[in-house]
Protein backbone atom coordinates (compact mmCIF):
# COMPACT_ATOMS: atom_id res chain seq x y z
CA MET A 1 -53.17 25.17 -39.03
CA ARG A 2 -55.23 26.39 -36.07
CA ALA A 3 -55.67 22.80 -34.90
CA THR A 4 -51.91 22.25 -35.02
CA ILE A 5 -51.22 25.43 -33.02
CA LEU A 6 -53.89 24.52 -30.46
CA PHE A 7 -52.39 21.04 -30.07
CA LEU A 8 -48.91 22.48 -29.50
CA TYR A 9 -50.30 24.95 -26.97
CA ILE A 10 -52.00 22.18 -25.00
CA LEU A 11 -48.85 20.05 -25.15
CA ILE A 12 -46.70 22.90 -23.85
CA LEU A 13 -49.20 23.63 -21.09
CA PHE A 14 -49.29 19.97 -20.08
CA SER A 15 -45.48 19.79 -20.05
CA ALA A 16 -45.29 22.97 -17.97
CA CYS A 17 -47.63 21.48 -15.41
CA LYS A 18 -45.26 18.51 -14.95
CA THR A 19 -42.40 20.82 -14.02
CA GLU A 20 -44.32 22.61 -11.30
CA PRO A 21 -42.67 22.20 -7.87
CA GLY A 22 -45.85 20.65 -6.51
CA PHE A 23 -45.51 17.77 -8.97
CA PHE A 24 -41.89 16.89 -8.18
CA TYR A 25 -41.43 18.09 -4.61
CA ASN A 26 -43.18 17.98 -1.26
CA ARG A 27 -42.57 20.37 1.62
CA ASN A 28 -40.73 17.84 3.71
CA GLU A 29 -37.34 18.84 5.12
CA PHE A 30 -34.57 16.29 5.27
CA LYS A 31 -30.96 16.78 6.26
CA GLY A 32 -27.78 14.83 6.73
CA LYS A 33 -24.00 14.80 6.69
CA VAL A 34 -21.43 14.23 3.96
CA LEU A 35 -18.22 12.38 4.88
CA LEU A 36 -15.03 11.52 2.99
CA LYS A 37 -13.43 8.09 3.22
CA ASP A 38 -10.52 6.93 1.13
CA ASP A 39 -10.06 3.16 1.34
CA TYR A 40 -7.01 3.44 -0.92
CA ALA A 41 -5.23 5.73 1.53
CA GLU A 42 -6.73 3.88 4.52
CA THR A 43 -8.04 7.09 6.03
CA VAL A 44 -10.80 7.43 8.61
CA SER A 45 -14.04 9.19 7.74
CA MET A 46 -13.96 12.97 7.96
CA PRO A 47 -16.47 15.76 7.20
CA ALA A 48 -16.63 17.12 3.65
CA PRO A 49 -16.98 20.92 3.81
CA ASP A 50 -18.22 22.72 0.68
CA ALA A 51 -19.43 19.50 -0.94
CA VAL A 52 -22.04 20.06 -3.67
CA ILE A 53 -25.27 18.07 -3.65
CA TYR A 54 -27.50 17.44 -6.66
CA LEU A 55 -30.87 15.85 -7.35
CA ALA A 56 -30.98 14.12 -10.71
CA MET A 57 -32.68 11.40 -12.72
CA ASN A 58 -29.34 9.60 -13.15
CA GLU A 59 -26.31 8.75 -11.00
CA LYS A 60 -23.96 11.23 -12.69
CA ALA A 61 -26.11 14.36 -12.27
CA GLU A 62 -25.79 15.12 -15.97
CA PRO A 63 -28.08 16.94 -16.28
CA TYR A 64 -29.38 17.58 -12.76
CA LEU A 65 -32.80 18.66 -11.54
CA TYR A 66 -31.65 20.70 -8.59
CA LYS A 67 -28.37 21.90 -7.09
CA ALA A 68 -28.43 22.54 -3.36
CA ASP A 69 -26.30 24.86 -1.25
CA THR A 70 -22.86 23.46 -0.40
CA THR A 71 -22.31 21.67 2.89
CA ASP A 72 -21.10 23.63 5.91
CA LYS A 73 -17.69 23.19 7.55
CA ASP A 74 -18.92 20.06 9.34
CA GLY A 75 -20.30 18.50 6.14
CA ASN A 76 -23.96 19.14 7.03
CA PHE A 77 -26.64 19.78 4.41
CA THR A 78 -30.37 20.54 4.52
CA PHE A 79 -33.14 20.23 1.93
CA SER A 80 -36.37 22.12 2.62
CA PHE A 81 -38.33 19.71 0.39
CA ALA A 82 -38.24 16.13 -0.82
CA PRO A 83 -39.06 14.69 -4.26
CA SER A 84 -42.55 13.23 -4.41
CA LYS A 85 -41.46 10.48 -6.81
CA THR A 86 -38.41 8.82 -5.34
CA GLU A 87 -37.98 5.62 -7.31
CA THR A 88 -36.18 7.32 -10.21
CA VAL A 89 -34.48 10.19 -8.39
CA PHE A 90 -30.88 10.13 -7.17
CA LEU A 91 -29.02 12.28 -4.69
CA ILE A 92 -25.42 12.88 -5.82
CA ALA A 93 -22.75 14.44 -3.62
CA ARG A 94 -19.42 15.66 -4.97
CA TYR A 95 -16.34 17.12 -3.30
CA ILE A 96 -13.02 18.33 -4.76
CA ASP A 97 -9.99 18.62 -2.46
CA LYS A 98 -7.07 21.07 -2.65
CA ASN A 99 -5.14 18.69 -4.96
CA GLY A 100 -8.02 18.60 -7.43
CA GLN A 101 -9.03 15.07 -6.44
CA THR A 102 -12.77 14.41 -6.84
CA TYR A 103 -14.75 12.45 -4.25
CA GLN A 104 -18.23 11.37 -5.27
CA ASN A 105 -21.10 9.01 -4.57
CA SER A 106 -24.72 8.65 -5.56
CA TYR A 107 -27.73 7.21 -3.77
CA GLN A 108 -31.30 6.52 -4.74
CA ILE A 109 -33.39 9.01 -2.83
CA ASP A 110 -35.61 6.40 -1.19
CA ALA A 111 -32.61 4.38 0.03
CA LEU A 112 -30.34 6.98 1.63
CA PRO A 113 -27.97 5.39 4.19
CA LYS A 114 -28.29 6.40 7.83
CA ASN A 115 -25.94 6.42 10.77
CA SER A 116 -27.02 3.62 13.08
CA ALA A 117 -26.31 5.66 16.21
CA THR A 118 -27.89 9.00 15.25
CA ASN A 119 -30.37 7.81 12.59
CA GLU A 120 -29.14 10.75 10.52
CA ILE A 121 -28.61 10.52 6.76
CA GLU A 122 -24.90 9.93 6.18
CA LEU A 123 -23.38 10.06 2.71
CA ILE A 124 -19.90 8.54 2.31
CA LEU A 125 -17.89 9.88 -0.64
CA SER A 126 -15.03 7.90 -2.16
CA PRO A 127 -12.27 9.21 -4.42
CA VAL A 128 -12.65 8.85 -8.17
CA TYR A 129 -9.13 8.04 -9.32
CA LYS A 130 -8.23 8.30 -12.98
CA LYS A 131 -5.92 6.14 -15.04
CA ASN A 132 -3.08 4.44 -13.15
CA VAL A 133 -2.12 4.89 -9.54
CA ILE A 134 0.88 4.40 -7.26
CA LYS A 135 0.37 3.85 -3.56
CA VAL A 136 3.38 4.40 -1.32
CA LYS A 137 3.76 3.53 2.34
CA ILE A 138 6.68 4.97 4.28
CA ILE A 139 7.81 2.97 7.29
CA ASP A 140 10.52 3.47 9.87
CA ARG A 141 12.72 0.39 9.90
CA ILE A 142 14.45 1.53 13.08
CA ASN A 143 11.40 2.21 15.22
CA GLN A 144 9.53 -1.10 14.89
CA ARG A 145 8.39 -0.43 11.33
CA GLU A 146 6.05 2.32 12.46
CA PRO A 147 4.37 4.38 9.68
CA VAL A 148 6.03 7.73 9.01
CA ALA A 149 3.63 10.67 8.82
CA LYS A 150 4.37 14.06 7.21
CA ALA A 151 7.09 12.71 4.95
CA GLU A 152 7.35 14.48 1.60
CA VAL A 153 7.01 12.04 -1.31
CA LEU A 154 8.08 13.12 -4.79
CA LEU A 155 7.30 11.46 -8.11
CA PHE A 156 9.61 11.76 -11.13
CA LEU A 157 9.63 10.46 -14.69
CA ASN A 158 13.35 11.04 -15.19
CA GLU A 159 16.00 9.23 -13.16
CA ASN A 160 18.46 12.12 -13.36
CA HIS A 161 15.77 14.49 -12.07
CA ALA A 162 15.07 12.06 -9.24
CA LYS A 163 18.69 12.42 -8.10
CA THR A 164 17.97 16.07 -7.23
CA TYR A 165 15.38 15.17 -4.59
CA ARG A 166 17.63 16.28 -1.72
CA GLU A 167 17.69 19.81 -3.07
CA SER A 168 15.29 22.49 -1.80
CA GLU A 169 13.82 22.74 -5.32
CA PRO A 170 14.13 19.32 -6.99
CA GLN A 171 13.95 19.23 -10.78
CA GLY A 172 11.19 17.57 -12.79
CA VAL A 173 8.76 16.75 -9.97
CA ILE A 174 5.46 15.71 -11.60
CA GLN A 175 3.50 15.11 -8.39
CA ARG A 176 4.20 15.91 -4.75
CA ARG A 177 2.40 14.41 -1.76
CA THR A 178 2.68 14.28 2.04
CA THR A 179 2.13 11.01 3.88
CA ASN A 180 -0.88 10.76 6.16
CA GLU A 181 -0.91 9.41 9.71
CA ARG A 182 -0.72 5.87 8.30
CA GLY A 183 2.41 6.72 6.33
CA ILE A 184 0.56 6.55 3.00
CA ALA A 185 0.86 8.80 -0.04
CA PHE A 186 -1.12 8.25 -3.22
CA PHE A 187 -0.41 9.31 -6.82
CA SER A 188 -3.09 9.06 -9.50
CA ASP A 189 -3.90 9.99 -13.10
CA LEU A 190 -0.68 8.37 -14.33
CA GLU A 191 0.11 7.04 -17.78
CA PRO A 192 1.70 3.56 -17.98
CA GLY A 193 5.46 3.77 -17.64
CA THR A 194 8.35 3.81 -15.18
CA TYR A 195 8.33 6.25 -12.30
CA TYR A 196 10.89 7.17 -9.67
CA VAL A 197 9.67 7.72 -6.14
CA ARG A 198 11.75 9.59 -3.60
CA ALA A 199 10.77 10.49 -0.06
CA LYS A 200 12.37 12.68 2.56
CA LEU A 201 11.53 13.59 6.11
CA LEU A 202 12.86 16.64 7.89
CA THR A 203 14.51 15.72 11.17
CA ALA A 204 16.33 17.72 13.80
CA ASP A 205 19.67 17.09 12.11
CA GLY A 206 18.62 17.33 8.50
CA VAL A 207 16.92 14.79 6.30
CA ALA A 208 16.04 11.13 6.67
CA ILE A 209 15.91 9.49 3.27
CA ALA A 210 13.88 6.79 1.56
CA GLU A 211 14.11 6.01 -2.11
CA GLU A 212 12.88 3.45 -4.60
CA ASN A 213 12.16 2.97 -8.28
CA TYR A 214 8.71 1.74 -9.19
CA SER A 215 7.23 0.81 -12.56
CA ILE A 216 3.52 0.48 -13.19
CA SER A 217 1.54 -1.33 -15.83
CA THR A 218 -1.88 -0.57 -17.22
CA LEU A 219 -4.64 -0.92 -14.64
CA SER A 220 -8.38 -1.20 -15.06
CA ALA A 221 -10.36 2.03 -14.95
CA ALA A 222 -12.76 0.36 -12.52
CA MET A 223 -10.26 -0.44 -9.79
CA SER A 224 -10.77 -1.22 -6.14
CA PRO A 225 -8.40 -0.85 -3.18
CA ASN A 226 -7.58 -4.55 -3.47
CA ASP A 227 -6.23 -4.00 -7.00
CA ILE A 228 -3.47 -1.73 -5.75
CA THR A 229 -0.53 -3.16 -3.86
CA PRO A 230 1.48 -0.54 -1.98
CA PHE A 231 5.23 -0.78 -1.85
CA GLU A 232 7.13 0.22 1.23
CA LEU A 233 9.97 2.68 1.49
CA GLN A 234 12.11 2.35 4.58
CA VAL A 235 13.35 5.54 6.15
CA SER A 236 17.06 5.53 6.94
CA TYR A 237 18.10 7.92 9.67
CA PRO A 238 21.62 9.31 9.89
CA ALA A 239 24.05 7.06 11.73
CA ILE A 240 27.56 7.05 13.12
CA LYS A 241 29.57 4.00 12.18
CA ALA A 242 32.94 3.72 13.89
CA THR A 243 35.80 1.27 13.42
CA PHE A 244 38.29 0.80 16.25
CA LEU A 245 41.75 -0.31 15.18
CA TYR A 246 44.81 -1.24 17.23
CA GLN A 247 48.32 -0.59 15.95
CA ASP A 248 50.60 -3.32 17.24
CA GLY A 249 54.38 -3.26 17.58
CA SER A 250 54.91 -4.18 13.93
CA GLY A 251 52.86 -1.18 12.79
CA SER A 252 49.98 -3.20 11.35
CA LEU A 253 46.38 -2.30 12.17
CA GLU A 254 44.08 -4.91 13.68
CA PRO A 255 40.38 -4.69 14.65
CA LEU A 256 39.93 -3.91 18.31
CA ALA A 257 37.09 -5.80 19.98
CA LYS A 258 35.35 -5.48 23.33
CA VAL A 259 35.64 -1.70 23.35
CA GLN A 260 32.98 -0.06 25.53
CA ALA A 261 31.77 2.76 23.25
CA TYR A 262 29.64 5.64 24.52
CA LEU A 263 27.87 8.32 22.51
CA PHE A 264 27.48 11.81 23.97
CA THR A 265 25.92 15.06 22.78
CA SER A 266 28.19 17.18 25.00
CA ASN A 267 31.96 17.33 25.22
CA VAL A 268 31.66 18.04 28.94
CA GLN A 269 29.70 14.82 29.46
CA ALA A 270 32.10 12.91 27.20
CA SER A 271 35.01 13.93 29.42
CA SER A 272 33.57 11.67 32.13
CA VAL A 273 35.17 8.81 30.20
CA MET A 274 38.59 10.25 31.00
CA LEU A 275 38.15 10.03 34.75
CA THR A 276 40.21 7.53 36.75
CA PRO A 277 38.60 5.12 36.97
CA PRO A 278 36.32 5.89 33.99
CA ALA A 279 32.82 6.95 35.05
CA PRO A 280 30.82 7.58 31.85
CA SER A 281 27.64 9.58 32.53
CA GLY A 282 25.08 11.47 30.46
CA TYR A 283 25.58 9.36 27.36
CA VAL A 284 22.70 8.84 24.89
CA ASP A 285 23.75 5.33 23.84
CA GLN A 286 26.28 2.69 24.79
CA LYS A 287 27.47 -0.42 22.94
CA GLU A 288 30.20 -3.00 23.08
CA VAL A 289 32.28 -3.27 19.94
CA GLY A 290 32.25 -6.72 18.33
CA ALA A 291 35.06 -8.82 16.87
CA SER A 292 35.10 -6.77 13.66
CA GLY A 293 36.01 -3.66 15.59
CA VAL A 294 32.92 -1.92 14.16
CA VAL A 295 30.07 -0.31 16.09
CA SER A 296 27.09 1.65 14.76
CA PHE A 297 24.82 4.15 16.45
CA THR A 298 21.60 4.68 14.52
CA GLY A 299 18.34 6.59 14.77
CA LEU A 300 20.20 9.81 15.59
CA THR A 301 18.30 13.08 15.78
CA GLY A 302 21.09 15.46 16.77
CA THR A 303 23.79 17.27 14.82
CA ASN A 304 27.01 16.96 16.83
CA TYR A 305 28.15 13.96 18.86
CA TYR A 306 31.23 12.88 20.79
CA LEU A 307 32.37 9.28 20.90
CA GLY A 308 33.95 8.10 24.13
CA ALA A 309 35.55 4.73 24.60
CA VAL A 310 37.08 2.64 27.33
CA VAL A 311 39.56 0.36 25.60
CA THR A 312 41.24 -2.69 27.08
CA LEU A 313 44.44 -3.37 25.15
CA PRO A 314 46.39 -6.61 25.09
CA GLY A 315 48.15 -7.03 28.40
CA ASN A 316 45.05 -5.80 30.24
CA VAL A 317 46.00 -2.16 29.70
CA THR A 318 43.07 0.27 29.86
CA VAL A 319 43.00 3.31 27.60
CA ASN A 320 40.37 6.05 27.72
CA TYR A 321 39.46 7.87 24.53
CA VAL A 322 37.22 10.80 23.50
CA SER A 323 36.85 11.73 19.84
CA PRO A 324 36.62 15.21 18.37
CA VAL A 325 33.11 16.23 17.30
CA VAL A 326 31.46 13.59 15.09
CA ARG A 327 28.54 14.26 12.77
CA PRO A 328 26.06 11.60 11.63
CA SER A 329 27.22 10.38 8.27
CA ALA A 330 27.17 7.38 5.97
CA ASP A 331 30.98 7.47 6.06
CA VAL A 332 32.88 5.21 8.43
CA GLN A 333 34.65 7.04 11.24
CA ARG A 334 38.01 5.37 11.94
CA PHE A 335 39.61 5.55 15.34
CA LYS A 336 43.17 4.31 15.83
CA VAL A 337 44.39 3.38 19.29
CA ASN A 338 48.14 2.96 19.74
């Protein structure tokens, strides 16, 4: 019995010696920076404030040997010691953003990556997305297909709920995102199924709209950015579509072509069309009406407009015209010239 107790005592003492700091760690400070980079969202690298750093014998830090202080606002961290045995020790950094998305990466301690310019340790964390994902890119089809930043993108499971997206408090929103500077929004942790994506962008005159249905199928848990194909939503800005009609002697209405149409934001400026001869000035856009008698002004950012026109009727008769106030709308504005 005494021999057994003595053996256990020696074993415990030997084990305790292995956990002494002098066995695992050397007094050798090393420091570096933690950055976030999301290849899915195509973002540039940015500092990871309040990231947690672990030392562990595995890449998941479960369990970990040591938990360091969190990184500062610029993503910097400092260790006042270094492990003496590096071949089986990993450094794991983890960051959780305001949406609950985890960013993580692990590195073997003797192969920590360094910035080529500063020679400083630089840890790049990538997002750990769960289940299925939807990647949305919002583009502006009017302005040379430029990406649209700061658009609100809503995700619904129910089509009827999706129809409420114009409201200040849409019903049944399961996830809500804002597009980044590249026009990208990203939804994750989704079960297989059909989803309804709606996007809206606040403009000076209200809301520019983009909408699309999107169904996803089961994706691999170990996915890469190349596995995910984004679909594009095109933003449609409010427009004014006008149809010019001419009422002939029989009373029938015919399309009126070759009308010089001018768009104004001020009634005072619009009145310049009524001068003799007409001298339109201060207009924000000008177009000639085609054979269909229809003209459209798009990409509007104001609320109230006035449509002025210089009309040449059959017989080379010139008629000047200024509309009452016109608001951007999907409805066709009809203008009849006698």
